[in-house]
Amino acid sequence: MHPDVTESRSMDDADCITASIAAPERFGLLFDRHAPTVFRYVRSRLGPDADDAVGDTFAIAFKVRDRFDTSAGSSAL
């Protein structure tokens, strides 16, 4: 495994978001961590439209990631 990938997996969400400002690919780790949970929640609310809503949710989160308050806690979920 590439060292950057190993290092990323040990980072909390706030660290991943901060790192993703300079290295956008780091945001993918947040998707890997949280997409299943977000999908289950959205599916319980929207049914079959969940895929699109989850994709939109993460696209928006990526776009505004520089506004995440890292001092409020380490979880982005």
C-alpha atoms as a PDB file:
ATOM      1  CA  MET A   1       0.000   0.000   0.000  1.00  0.00           C
ATOM      2  CA  HIS A   2       1.253   3.474  -0.879  1.00  0.00           C
ATOM      3  CA  PRO A   3       2.450   5.400   2.230  1.00  0.00           C
ATOM      4  CA  ASP A   4       0.094   8.310   1.540  1.00  0.00           C
ATOM      5  CA  VAL A   5      -2.877   5.931   1.524  1.00  0.00           C
ATOM      6  CA  THR A   6      -1.800   4.353   4.818  1.00  0.00           C
ATOM      7  CA  GLU A   7      -1.303   7.793   6.358  1.00  0.00           C
ATOM      8  CA  SER A   8      -4.728   8.955   5.100  1.00  0.00           C
ATOM      9  CA  ARG A   9      -6.527   6.023   6.680  1.00  0.00           C
ATOM     10  CA  SER A  10      -5.154   6.953  10.096  1.00  0.00           C
ATOM     11  CA  MET A  11      -6.323  10.575   9.760  1.00  0.00           C
ATOM     12  CA  ASP A  12      -9.578  11.726  11.330  1.00  0.00           C
ATOM     13  CA  ASP A  13     -12.193  13.458   9.190  1.00  0.00           C
ATOM     14  CA  ALA A  14     -11.062  16.985  10.066  1.00  0.00           C
ATOM     15  CA  ASP A  15      -7.482  16.120   9.086  1.00  0.00           C
ATOM     16  CA  CYS A  16      -8.674  14.588   5.797  1.00  0.00           C
ATOM     17  CA  ILE A  17     -10.697  17.677   4.964  1.00  0.00           C
ATOM     18  CA  THR A  18      -7.780  19.956   5.764  1.00  0.00           C
ATOM     19  CA  ALA A  19      -5.433  17.800   3.674  1.00  0.00           C
ATOM     20  CA  SER A  20      -7.941  17.724   0.797  1.00  0.00           C
ATOM     21  CA  ILE A  21      -7.572  21.467   0.287  1.00  0.00           C
ATOM     22  CA  ALA A  22      -4.072  20.896  -1.123  1.00  0.00           C
ATOM     23  CA  ALA A  23      -4.631  17.288  -2.241  1.00  0.00           C
ATOM     24  CA  PRO A  24      -8.279  16.914  -3.349  1.00  0.00           C
ATOM     25  CA  GLU A  25      -7.998  13.134  -3.704  1.00  0.00           C
ATOM     26  CA  ARG A  26      -7.839  12.891   0.111  1.00  0.00           C
ATOM     27  CA  PHE A  27     -11.550  13.745   0.226  1.00  0.00           C
ATOM     28  CA  GLY A  28     -12.239  10.322  -1.273  1.00  0.00           C
ATOM     29  CA  LEU A  29     -11.441   8.763   2.078  1.00  0.00           C
ATOM     30  CA  LEU A  30     -14.410  10.592   3.603  1.00  0.00           C
ATOM     31  CA  PHE A  31     -16.631   9.186   0.882  1.00  0.00           C
ATOM     32  CA  ASP A  32     -15.320   5.685   1.573  1.00  0.00           C
ATOM     33  CA  ARG A  33     -15.894   6.120   5.300  1.00  0.00           C
ATOM     34  CA  HIS A  34     -19.324   7.709   5.302  1.00  0.00           C
ATOM     35  CA  ALA A  35     -21.156   7.005   2.029  1.00  0.00           C
ATOM     36  CA  PRO A  36     -22.708   3.737   3.255  1.00  0.00           C
ATOM     37  CA  THR A  37     -24.170   5.442   6.336  1.00  0.00           C
ATOM     38  CA  VAL A  38     -25.391   8.453   4.365  1.00  0.00           C
ATOM     39  CA  PHE A  39     -26.866   6.134   1.734  1.00  0.00           C
ATOM     40  CA  ARG A  40     -28.824   4.119   4.309  1.00  0.00           C
ATOM     41  CA  TYR A  41     -30.237   7.292   5.835  1.00  0.00           C
ATOM     42  CA  VAL A  42     -31.153   8.883   2.495  1.00  0.00           C
ATOM     43  CA  ARG A  43     -32.661   5.639   1.190  1.00  0.00           C
ATOM     44  CA  SER A  44     -34.884   5.474   4.273  1.00  0.00           C
ATOM     45  CA  ARG A  45     -36.168   8.952   3.385  1.00  0.00           C
ATOM     46  CA  LEU A  46     -36.172   8.998  -0.428  1.00  0.00           C
ATOM     47  CA  GLY A  47     -36.247   5.378  -1.514  1.00  0.00           C
ATOM     48  CA  PRO A  48     -34.877   4.702  -5.006  1.00  0.00           C
ATOM     49  CA  ASP A  49     -33.603   8.256  -5.517  1.00  0.00           C
ATOM     50  CA  ALA A  50     -30.951   7.761  -2.841  1.00  0.00           C
ATOM     51  CA  ASP A  51     -28.012   7.262  -5.233  1.00  0.00           C
ATOM     52  CA  ASP A  52     -28.418  10.680  -6.820  1.00  0.00           C
ATOM     53  CA  ALA A  53     -28.977  12.418  -3.494  1.00  0.00           C
ATOM     54  CA  VAL A  54     -25.897  10.826  -1.923  1.00  0.00           C
ATOM     55  CA  GLY A  55     -23.789  11.808  -4.923  1.00  0.00           C
ATOM     56  CA  ASP A  56     -25.096  15.360  -4.721  1.00  0.00           C
ATOM     57  CA  THR A  57     -24.430  15.457  -0.967  1.00  0.00           C
ATOM     58  CA  PHE A  58     -20.779  14.512  -1.361  1.00  0.00           C
ATOM     59  CA  ALA A  59     -20.311  16.805  -4.379  1.00  0.00           C
ATOM     60  CA  ILE A  60     -21.576  19.746  -2.337  1.00  0.00           C
ATOM     61  CA  ALA A  61     -19.512  18.736   0.693  1.00  0.00           C
ATOM     62  CA  PHE A  62     -16.413  18.615  -1.511  1.00  0.00           C
ATOM     63  CA  LYS A  63     -17.177  22.015  -3.001  1.00  0.00           C
ATOM     64  CA  VAL A  64     -17.527  23.697   0.422  1.00  0.00           C
ATOM     65  CA  ARG A  65     -14.938  21.644   2.320  1.00  0.00           C
ATOM     66  CA  ASP A  66     -12.873  24.760   3.033  1.00  0.00           C
ATOM     67  CA  ARG A  67     -15.728  25.954   5.289  1.00  0.00           C
ATOM     68  CA  PHE A  68     -15.684  22.858   7.537  1.00  0.00           C
ATOM     69  CA  ASP A  69     -15.103  23.920  11.150  1.00  0.00           C
ATOM     70  CA  THR A  70     -12.286  21.613  12.222  1.00  0.00           C
ATOM     71  CA  SER A  71     -12.446  22.988  15.760  1.00  0.00           C
ATOM     72  CA  ALA A  72     -16.008  21.686  16.244  1.00  0.00           C
ATOM     73  CA  GLY A  73     -14.950  18.028  16.263  1.00  0.00           C
ATOM     74  CA  SER A  74     -13.241  15.471  14.152  1.00  0.00           C
ATOM     75  CA  SER A  75     -16.229  13.773  12.491  1.00  0.00           C
ATOM     76  CA  ALA A  76     -17.672  15.083   9.244  1.00  0.00           C
ATOM     77  CA  LEU A  77     -20.616  12.714   9.422  1.00  0.00           C
END
